[in-house]
Amino acid sequence: MTLPATDSALGQLMATLPRAGRVEWIGLRPARDVLMREISEVVAEAGKGLVGDRYASGSGKRGITLIQSEHLPAIAALAGHASVNPQLLRRNLVVSGIPLIALKGRRFRIGDVLLEGTDSCDPCSRMEAALGPGGYNAMRGHGGLCARIVEGGTIRIGDALQPESQS
């Protein structure tokens, strides 16, 4: 994805974010068909993924998945639930305070880890079992962001998510 140059009006709008985000929740998928394991910190390996996550294979583009905490109530409402536990959604990080779609094609930091937003994290068919009939559609448009890990390090609950400056 090519972003507009920051010297254009649209580029300026797309590059301007109101504030930093914050990591609210961290989870790992240790194996297929098991509940995610909630943790307080995780090691991210460049070009691979999160240590202990079944997707830490080196595919790169999906080294880590993120979802906005602000979308959780919308997903719950659309699926007919009072609330939804992040473990059911199978994303590694829940972040607040920043629109994740604005990070697609951009680099950003969480703690000392440098990430690059690669693509939307579309829901999978497992959302029907996790959220009930219509769960897949309840998550459409709210699935979050996939990112590759450019520089590794440790991510902790409470870490800031800060976009890198665009040139």
Protein backbone atom coordinates (compact mmCIF):
# COMPACT_ATOMS: atom_id res chain seq x y z
CA MET A 1 0.00 0.00 0.00
CA THR A 2 1.35 3.39 -0.94
CA LEU A 3 0.35 6.26 1.30
CA PRO A 4 -0.13 9.78 -0.08
CA ALA A 5 2.90 12.03 0.27
CA THR A 6 2.78 13.97 3.53
CA ASP A 7 3.12 17.23 1.59
CA SER A 8 -0.38 16.73 0.13
CA ALA A 9 -3.50 17.74 2.05
CA LEU A 10 -4.71 14.12 2.22
CA GLY A 11 -1.24 12.93 3.24
CA GLN A 12 -1.19 15.44 6.09
CA LEU A 13 -4.60 14.27 7.29
CA MET A 14 -3.57 10.61 7.15
CA ALA A 15 -0.28 11.28 8.97
CA THR A 16 -1.89 13.23 11.84
CA LEU A 17 -3.08 11.17 14.78
CA PRO A 18 -4.62 12.72 17.90
CA ARG A 19 -2.57 10.80 20.46
CA ALA A 20 -0.53 7.69 21.14
CA GLY A 21 -2.23 4.37 21.75
CA ARG A 22 -1.81 2.04 24.73
CA VAL A 23 -1.52 -1.75 25.08
CA GLU A 24 -4.45 -2.98 27.19
CA TRP A 25 -4.22 -6.77 26.79
CA ILE A 26 -1.74 -9.35 25.45
CA GLY A 27 -2.50 -12.92 24.43
CA LEU A 28 -0.73 -15.86 22.79
CA ARG A 29 -2.14 -18.70 20.73
CA PRO A 30 0.00 -21.62 21.98
CA ALA A 31 -1.64 -24.19 19.68
CA ARG A 32 -4.51 -24.68 17.29
CA ASP A 33 -8.00 -24.93 18.81
CA VAL A 34 -6.98 -23.90 22.33
CA LEU A 35 -7.95 -20.80 24.29
CA MET A 36 -5.48 -17.96 24.08
CA ARG A 37 -3.20 -17.49 27.06
CA GLU A 38 -3.43 -14.01 28.61
CA ILE A 39 -0.04 -12.61 29.65
CA SER A 40 1.42 -9.31 30.90
CA GLU A 41 4.44 -9.14 28.57
CA VAL A 42 5.81 -10.89 25.50
CA VAL A 43 9.04 -11.03 23.50
CA ALA A 44 8.72 -10.08 19.83
CA GLU A 45 11.29 -11.54 17.40
CA ALA A 46 12.09 -9.56 14.25
CA GLY A 47 10.89 -11.23 11.06
CA LYS A 48 9.15 -13.98 13.02
CA GLY A 49 6.53 -13.29 15.66
CA LEU A 50 5.84 -13.51 19.36
CA VAL A 51 7.72 -16.08 21.41
CA GLY A 52 5.24 -18.76 22.46
CA ASP A 53 2.69 -17.99 19.76
CA ARG A 54 1.91 -20.72 17.23
CA TYR A 55 2.22 -18.22 14.36
CA ALA A 56 5.83 -17.27 15.22
CA SER A 57 7.05 -18.99 12.09
CA GLY A 58 8.81 -16.37 10.08
CA SER A 59 5.95 -15.56 7.70
CA GLY A 60 6.65 -11.94 8.55
CA LYS A 61 3.51 -10.12 7.40
CA ARG A 62 1.42 -11.56 10.23
CA GLY A 63 4.03 -11.63 12.99
CA ILE A 64 1.58 -9.94 15.35
CA THR A 65 -2.12 -9.08 15.29
CA LEU A 66 -3.77 -6.09 16.94
CA ILE A 67 -7.36 -5.06 17.59
CA GLN A 68 -8.79 -1.81 18.94
CA SER A 69 -10.37 -1.94 22.37
CA GLU A 70 -12.92 0.58 21.13
CA HIS A 71 -14.18 -2.04 18.66
CA LEU A 72 -14.86 -4.71 21.29
CA PRO A 73 -18.23 -3.23 22.37
CA ALA A 74 -19.27 -2.91 18.70
CA ILE A 75 -18.38 -6.55 18.02
CA ALA A 76 -20.24 -7.64 21.14
CA ALA A 77 -23.34 -5.63 20.21
CA LEU A 78 -23.35 -6.90 16.62
CA ALA A 79 -22.97 -10.49 17.86
CA GLY A 80 -25.75 -10.05 20.42
CA HIS A 81 -23.58 -10.13 23.55
CA ALA A 82 -23.21 -7.73 26.47
CA SER A 83 -19.42 -7.93 26.14
CA VAL A 84 -16.73 -9.99 24.44
CA ASN A 85 -13.56 -11.45 25.95
CA PRO A 86 -10.48 -10.61 23.83
CA GLN A 87 -9.35 -14.26 24.11
CA LEU A 88 -12.23 -15.27 21.84
CA LEU A 89 -11.10 -12.94 19.05
CA ARG A 90 -7.63 -14.50 18.73
CA ARG A 91 -5.65 -11.26 18.33
CA ASN A 92 -2.35 -10.81 20.14
CA LEU A 93 -2.79 -7.25 21.37
CA VAL A 94 -5.74 -5.12 22.35
CA VAL A 95 -4.82 -1.44 22.06
CA SER A 96 -6.75 1.70 22.91
CA GLY A 97 -6.62 5.32 21.87
CA ILE A 98 -5.50 5.05 18.26
CA PRO A 99 -7.26 4.06 15.01
CA LEU A 100 -5.40 0.97 13.83
CA ILE A 101 -6.45 1.45 10.20
CA ALA A 102 -4.27 4.59 10.20
CA LEU A 103 -1.22 2.35 10.81
CA LYS A 104 -1.66 0.20 7.69
CA GLY A 105 1.47 0.71 5.61
CA ARG A 106 3.17 2.66 8.42
CA ARG A 107 5.81 1.91 10.98
CA PHE A 108 5.07 2.30 14.67
CA ARG A 109 6.62 1.46 18.02
CA ILE A 110 5.25 -0.36 20.99
CA GLY A 111 7.80 -0.04 23.77
CA ASP A 112 11.14 -0.77 22.10
CA VAL A 113 9.59 -2.93 19.34
CA LEU A 114 9.35 -1.50 15.81
CA LEU A 115 6.39 -2.80 13.79
CA GLU A 116 4.99 -2.18 10.34
CA GLY A 117 1.26 -2.45 9.63
CA THR A 118 0.85 -4.85 6.71
CA ASP A 119 -2.84 -5.57 6.24
CA SER A 120 -6.27 -5.69 7.80
CA CYS A 121 -6.78 -8.68 10.08
CA ASP A 122 -9.97 -10.09 8.65
CA PRO A 123 -12.04 -12.51 10.73
CA CYS A 124 -11.91 -16.24 10.10
CA SER A 125 -14.69 -18.82 10.14
CA ARG A 126 -13.81 -19.67 13.78
CA MET A 127 -15.66 -16.51 14.83
CA GLU A 128 -18.96 -18.34 14.25
CA ALA A 129 -18.06 -20.81 17.00
CA ALA A 130 -16.53 -18.14 19.25
CA LEU A 131 -19.33 -15.57 18.98
CA GLY A 132 -22.28 -17.62 17.72
CA PRO A 133 -24.18 -17.41 14.44
CA GLY A 134 -23.26 -14.19 12.66
CA GLY A 135 -20.00 -13.86 14.59
CA TYR A 136 -17.98 -13.71 11.38
CA ASN A 137 -20.03 -10.77 10.10
CA ALA A 138 -20.01 -9.09 13.52
CA MET A 139 -16.23 -8.83 13.21
CA ARG A 140 -16.09 -7.67 9.58
CA GLY A 141 -14.55 -4.21 9.53
CA HIS A 142 -13.51 -4.58 13.17
CA GLY A 143 -10.88 -7.34 12.91
CA GLY A 144 -7.87 -5.13 13.48
CA LEU A 145 -4.42 -5.03 11.91
CA CYS A 146 -1.67 -7.50 11.04
CA ALA A 147 1.90 -6.27 11.41
CA ARG A 148 5.41 -7.50 10.82
CA ILE A 149 8.07 -7.15 13.47
CA VAL A 150 10.94 -5.03 12.12
CA GLU A 151 12.95 -4.72 15.35
CA GLY A 152 12.37 -7.11 18.23
CA GLY A 153 12.08 -6.49 21.95
CA THR A 154 9.56 -6.80 24.75
CA ILE A 155 5.96 -5.58 24.71
CA ARG A 156 4.20 -4.99 28.05
CA ILE A 157 0.68 -4.07 29.11
CA GLY A 158 0.61 -0.28 29.46
CA ASP A 159 3.23 0.33 26.74
CA ALA A 160 2.55 3.25 24.42
CA LEU A 161 1.89 2.68 20.73
CA GLN A 162 3.51 5.58 18.88
CA PRO A 163 3.60 5.99 15.08
CA GLU A 164 7.02 6.72 13.57
CA SER A 165 7.38 10.08 11.83
CA GLN A 166 6.68 9.98 8.11
CA SER A 167 8.98 11.74 5.71
